[in-house]
């Protein structure tokens, strides 16, 4: 009996010594079941003209991804995340996506990239529409890109329906905005990191079944894919009667 108590006491002392001398660096991260009890990020800085896209919006020209400044990080971000845009838009199944290359846009408008918040040529929509057969144009900006932990990605989107031919007033152009969004998703925020892990488990787990969901927080490509999916979900949907 004394021997048994001595063994138990020895084990207890060993555990206490390990906990008090190892320091905080050796403790493993909290399991996902504990981490996932926190808040979830939901986009809030977006605008919807209506909850459903007009029936006539069937083809959308996807303009090249641009940046507000020409920093090295943003340039790298366009190269990494730009190719994901078309794929994520097609997953939404809101409309047919018509990708426009920088070379095509330069040929039609004189520049390889445009932002929705800058003065456009008077015949901008007419030229793009004639070349692509589109009913609306999607302007895309990458406003922030931090490829190191904590990862951060910022997007700015504007979906604008084609105005009638001829000059359009500022109010008429504003009335043609169907959807816009402008947000930065920072993995350093618990709500964003939790939502990103959720997305990994629901959509990316099959790509790496043995990987932990937290790997998305160290992958700029996968985290960027999550940020796109999160914002594109806020686009207006389709009415069930559309065929």
Protein backbone atom coordinates (compact mmCIF):
# COMPACT_ATOMS: atom_id res chain seq x y z
CA UNK A 1 0.00 0.00 0.00
CA UNK A 2 2.78 2.40 0.85
CA UNK A 3 4.57 1.48 -2.36
CA UNK A 4 1.47 2.30 -4.41
CA UNK A 5 1.07 5.69 -2.72
CA UNK A 6 4.75 6.38 -3.29
CA UNK A 7 4.40 5.67 -6.98
CA UNK A 8 1.34 7.91 -7.23
CA UNK A 9 3.12 10.69 -5.36
CA UNK A 10 6.14 10.31 -7.62
CA UNK A 11 4.01 10.58 -10.74
CA UNK A 12 2.24 13.64 -9.35
CA UNK A 13 5.54 15.34 -8.53
CA UNK A 14 6.87 14.55 -11.98
CA UNK A 15 3.85 16.15 -13.66
CA UNK A 16 4.05 19.25 -11.43
CA UNK A 17 7.77 19.60 -12.12
CA UNK A 18 7.21 19.30 -15.86
CA UNK A 19 4.50 21.94 -15.82
CA UNK A 20 6.44 24.40 -13.69
CA UNK A 21 9.80 24.09 -15.42
CA UNK A 22 8.90 23.65 -19.09
CA UNK A 23 7.57 27.18 -19.59
CA UNK A 24 4.80 28.33 -21.90
CA UNK A 25 6.61 27.51 -25.16
CA UNK A 26 6.04 23.78 -24.98
CA UNK A 27 2.32 23.80 -24.46
CA UNK A 28 0.49 22.59 -27.59
CA UNK A 29 -2.09 24.87 -29.21
CA UNK A 30 -5.65 24.56 -28.07
CA UNK A 31 -7.55 21.88 -29.97
CA UNK A 32 -9.86 23.07 -32.72
CA UNK A 33 -12.91 22.09 -30.68
CA UNK A 34 -11.89 24.74 -28.11
CA UNK A 35 -10.82 27.36 -30.65
CA UNK A 36 -14.01 26.97 -32.66
CA UNK A 37 -16.18 28.07 -29.76
CA UNK A 38 -15.39 31.72 -30.55
CA UNK A 39 -17.13 34.26 -32.82
CA UNK A 40 -17.48 33.99 -36.59
CA UNK A 41 -16.74 36.80 -39.03
CA UNK A 42 -19.58 37.99 -41.25
CA UNK A 43 -19.05 40.64 -43.95
CA UNK A 44 -20.90 43.86 -43.17
CA UNK A 45 -19.47 46.59 -45.42
CA UNK A 46 -21.40 45.80 -48.61
CA UNK A 47 -24.31 47.23 -50.59
CA UNK A 48 -27.15 45.46 -52.39
CA UNK A 49 -29.49 47.33 -54.68
CA UNK A 50 -31.89 44.40 -54.53
CA UNK A 51 -31.72 40.95 -53.00
CA UNK A 52 -31.96 39.29 -56.42
CA UNK A 53 -30.15 40.09 -59.65
CA UNK A 54 -32.34 41.41 -62.48
CA UNK A 55 -33.24 38.69 -64.95
CA UNK A 56 -31.44 40.50 -67.76
CA UNK A 57 -28.07 40.21 -66.01
CA UNK A 58 -26.87 36.93 -67.45
CA UNK A 59 -23.29 37.66 -68.59
CA UNK A 60 -20.76 39.67 -66.55
CA UNK A 61 -17.38 40.92 -67.77
CA UNK A 62 -14.73 40.32 -65.11
CA UNK A 63 -12.16 43.11 -65.36
CA UNK A 64 -8.49 42.52 -64.48
CA UNK A 65 -7.63 42.77 -60.80
CA UNK A 66 -6.08 46.15 -59.96
CA UNK A 67 -4.51 47.72 -56.87
CA UNK A 68 -4.72 51.26 -55.43
CA UNK A 69 -0.92 51.50 -55.30
CA UNK A 70 1.96 49.66 -56.94
CA UNK A 71 3.60 48.17 -53.85
CA UNK A 72 5.53 44.93 -54.09
CA UNK A 73 3.14 43.13 -51.72
CA UNK A 74 0.04 44.12 -53.69
CA UNK A 75 1.69 43.13 -56.95
CA UNK A 76 2.53 39.73 -55.49
CA UNK A 77 -1.04 39.47 -54.24
CA UNK A 78 -2.52 40.00 -57.69
CA UNK A 79 -0.29 37.25 -59.06
CA UNK A 80 -1.28 34.87 -56.26
CA UNK A 81 -4.99 35.65 -55.88
CA UNK A 82 -5.94 36.97 -59.31
CA UNK A 83 -6.30 33.49 -60.85
CA UNK A 84 -8.72 32.50 -58.06
CA UNK A 85 -11.25 35.23 -58.85
CA UNK A 86 -12.85 33.65 -61.90
CA UNK A 87 -13.05 30.21 -60.29
CA UNK A 88 -14.72 31.53 -57.14
CA UNK A 89 -17.19 33.61 -59.15
CA UNK A 90 -18.17 30.60 -61.22
CA UNK A 91 -18.82 28.62 -58.03
CA UNK A 92 -21.41 31.24 -57.06
CA UNK A 93 -23.47 30.42 -60.18
CA UNK A 94 -24.97 33.90 -60.32
CA UNK A 95 -24.11 34.55 -63.98
CA UNK A 96 -21.80 33.57 -66.81
CA UNK A 97 -18.34 35.03 -66.18
CA UNK A 98 -16.48 36.58 -69.12
CA UNK A 99 -12.83 37.16 -68.09
CA UNK A 100 -11.18 40.21 -69.65
CA UNK A 101 -7.39 40.26 -69.99
CA UNK A 102 -5.31 43.41 -69.42
CA UNK A 103 -4.32 43.37 -73.11
CA UNK A 104 -7.94 43.24 -74.24
CA UNK A 105 -8.97 46.05 -71.91
CA UNK A 106 -6.09 48.22 -73.12
CA UNK A 107 -7.14 47.62 -76.73
CA UNK A 108 -10.77 48.57 -76.02
CA UNK A 109 -10.29 51.45 -73.56
CA UNK A 110 -6.66 52.56 -73.74
CA UNK A 111 -5.73 51.17 -70.30
CA UNK A 112 -5.13 47.70 -68.90
CA UNK A 113 -6.97 48.32 -65.63
CA UNK A 114 -9.75 50.49 -64.23
CA UNK A 115 -11.30 51.19 -60.85
CA UNK A 116 -14.99 51.85 -60.38
CA UNK A 117 -14.27 54.97 -58.28
CA UNK A 118 -12.41 56.87 -61.01
CA UNK A 119 -13.67 58.74 -64.11
CA UNK A 120 -14.31 56.29 -66.93
CA UNK A 121 -14.30 57.05 -70.66
CA UNK A 122 -17.79 58.07 -71.88
CA UNK A 123 -18.04 54.97 -74.08
CA UNK A 124 -16.41 52.58 -71.57
CA UNK A 125 -19.43 50.35 -70.96
CA UNK A 126 -20.43 50.41 -74.61
CA UNK A 127 -16.99 49.23 -75.76
CA UNK A 128 -16.70 46.45 -73.20
CA UNK A 129 -20.26 45.34 -73.84
CA UNK A 130 -19.76 45.20 -77.60
CA UNK A 131 -16.59 43.15 -77.21
CA UNK A 132 -17.88 40.68 -74.62
CA UNK A 133 -21.66 40.65 -74.95
CA UNK A 134 -21.90 41.37 -71.23
CA UNK A 135 -24.88 42.79 -69.35
CA UNK A 136 -22.79 44.12 -66.44
CA UNK A 137 -19.16 44.70 -65.46
CA UNK A 138 -17.39 43.62 -62.28
CA UNK A 139 -14.61 45.96 -61.10
CA UNK A 140 -12.10 44.27 -58.76
CA UNK A 141 -9.44 45.74 -56.46
CA UNK A 142 -6.98 44.10 -54.11
CA UNK A 143 -6.60 46.74 -51.40
CA UNK A 144 -4.39 44.83 -48.95
CA UNK A 145 -2.20 41.74 -49.04
CA UNK A 146 -0.12 40.50 -46.10
CA UNK A 147 1.30 37.05 -46.98
CA UNK A 148 2.84 36.54 -43.53
CA UNK A 149 1.13 35.57 -40.28
CA UNK A 150 -1.27 36.92 -39.37
CA UNK A 151 -2.44 36.88 -42.99
CA UNK A 152 -4.62 39.73 -44.24
CA UNK A 153 -6.42 40.30 -47.53
CA UNK A 154 -8.51 43.31 -48.56
CA UNK A 155 -10.98 43.37 -51.46
CA UNK A 156 -13.10 46.02 -53.13
CA UNK A 157 -15.74 44.96 -55.65
CA UNK A 158 -18.33 46.83 -57.71
CA UNK A 159 -20.87 45.11 -59.96
CA UNK A 160 -22.32 47.68 -62.35
CA UNK A 161 -25.05 47.07 -64.92
CA UNK A 162 -24.55 48.53 -68.39
CA UNK A 163 -26.13 52.00 -68.61
CA UNK A 164 -28.09 53.07 -71.71
CA UNK A 165 -25.94 54.23 -74.67
CA UNK A 166 -24.73 57.81 -74.47
CA UNK A 167 -23.54 60.03 -71.61
CA UNK A 168 -24.80 59.09 -68.15
CA UNK A 169 -25.07 61.34 -65.12
CA UNK A 170 -23.47 60.49 -61.80
CA UNK A 171 -26.88 59.58 -60.36
CA UNK A 172 -27.67 57.34 -63.32
CA UNK A 173 -24.37 55.54 -62.85
CA UNK A 174 -25.03 55.17 -59.13
CA UNK A 175 -28.41 53.62 -59.89
CA UNK A 176 -26.66 50.99 -62.01
CA UNK A 177 -24.61 49.66 -59.10
CA UNK A 178 -26.06 46.25 -58.29
CA UNK A 179 -23.59 45.24 -55.57
CA UNK A 180 -20.38 46.50 -54.00
CA UNK A 181 -18.21 45.35 -51.12
CA UNK A 182 -15.12 46.78 -49.44
CA UNK A 183 -13.54 44.84 -46.56
CA UNK A 184 -10.22 43.68 -45.11
CA UNK A 185 -10.13 40.20 -43.61
CA UNK A 186 -7.37 39.86 -41.00
CA UNK A 187 -6.53 36.39 -39.70
CA UNK A 188 -5.33 38.02 -36.49
CA UNK A 189 -8.98 38.62 -35.56
CA UNK A 190 -10.56 35.60 -33.82
CA UNK A 191 -13.78 35.81 -35.81
CA UNK A 192 -11.90 35.71 -39.11
CA UNK A 193 -9.58 32.90 -38.09
CA UNK A 194 -12.50 30.81 -36.82
CA UNK A 195 -14.49 31.37 -40.01
CA UNK A 196 -11.44 30.53 -42.13
CA UNK A 197 -11.00 27.21 -40.30
CA UNK A 198 -14.67 26.47 -40.83
CA UNK A 199 -14.24 27.12 -44.54
CA UNK A 200 -11.23 24.81 -44.65
CA UNK A 201 -13.17 21.99 -43.02
CA UNK A 202 -16.15 22.43 -45.34
CA UNK A 203 -14.42 23.08 -48.68
CA UNK A 204 -10.70 22.28 -48.59
CA UNK A 205 -10.37 19.28 -46.27
CA UNK A 206 -10.34 16.81 -49.17
CA UNK A 207 -7.22 18.45 -50.61
CA UNK A 208 -5.20 17.56 -47.50
CA UNK A 209 -7.19 15.14 -45.31
CA UNK A 210 -4.44 14.74 -42.72
CA UNK A 211 -3.76 18.47 -42.29
CA UNK A 212 -5.07 20.53 -39.40
CA UNK A 213 -7.68 23.18 -40.23
CA UNK A 214 -5.34 25.85 -38.86
CA UNK A 215 -3.05 25.37 -41.87
CA UNK A 216 -5.32 27.75 -43.79
CA UNK A 217 -4.02 30.54 -41.53
CA UNK A 218 -0.49 30.08 -42.90
CA UNK A 219 -1.36 29.65 -46.59
CA UNK A 220 -1.90 32.93 -48.52
CA UNK A 221 -3.57 31.06 -51.38
CA UNK A 222 -6.04 29.10 -49.26
CA UNK A 223 -6.76 32.04 -46.98
CA UNK A 224 -7.26 34.24 -50.04
CA UNK A 225 -9.70 31.68 -51.42
CA UNK A 226 -11.67 31.85 -48.18
CA UNK A 227 -11.77 35.68 -48.25
CA UNK A 228 -13.14 35.63 -51.79
CA UNK A 229 -15.81 33.09 -50.92
CA UNK A 230 -16.84 35.08 -47.84
CA UNK A 231 -17.36 38.33 -49.76
CA UNK A 232 -18.85 36.85 -52.93
CA UNK A 233 -21.54 35.23 -50.83
CA UNK A 234 -22.92 38.73 -50.19
CA UNK A 235 -23.77 39.23 -53.87
CA UNK A 236 -27.45 39.30 -54.77
CA UNK A 237 -28.80 35.87 -55.64
CA UNK A 238 -31.06 34.58 -58.34
CA UNK A 239 -34.82 34.21 -58.25
CA UNK A 240 -35.98 30.61 -58.34
CA UNK A 241 -38.03 31.30 -61.45
CA UNK A 242 -34.93 32.03 -63.57
CA UNK A 243 -34.15 29.33 -66.14
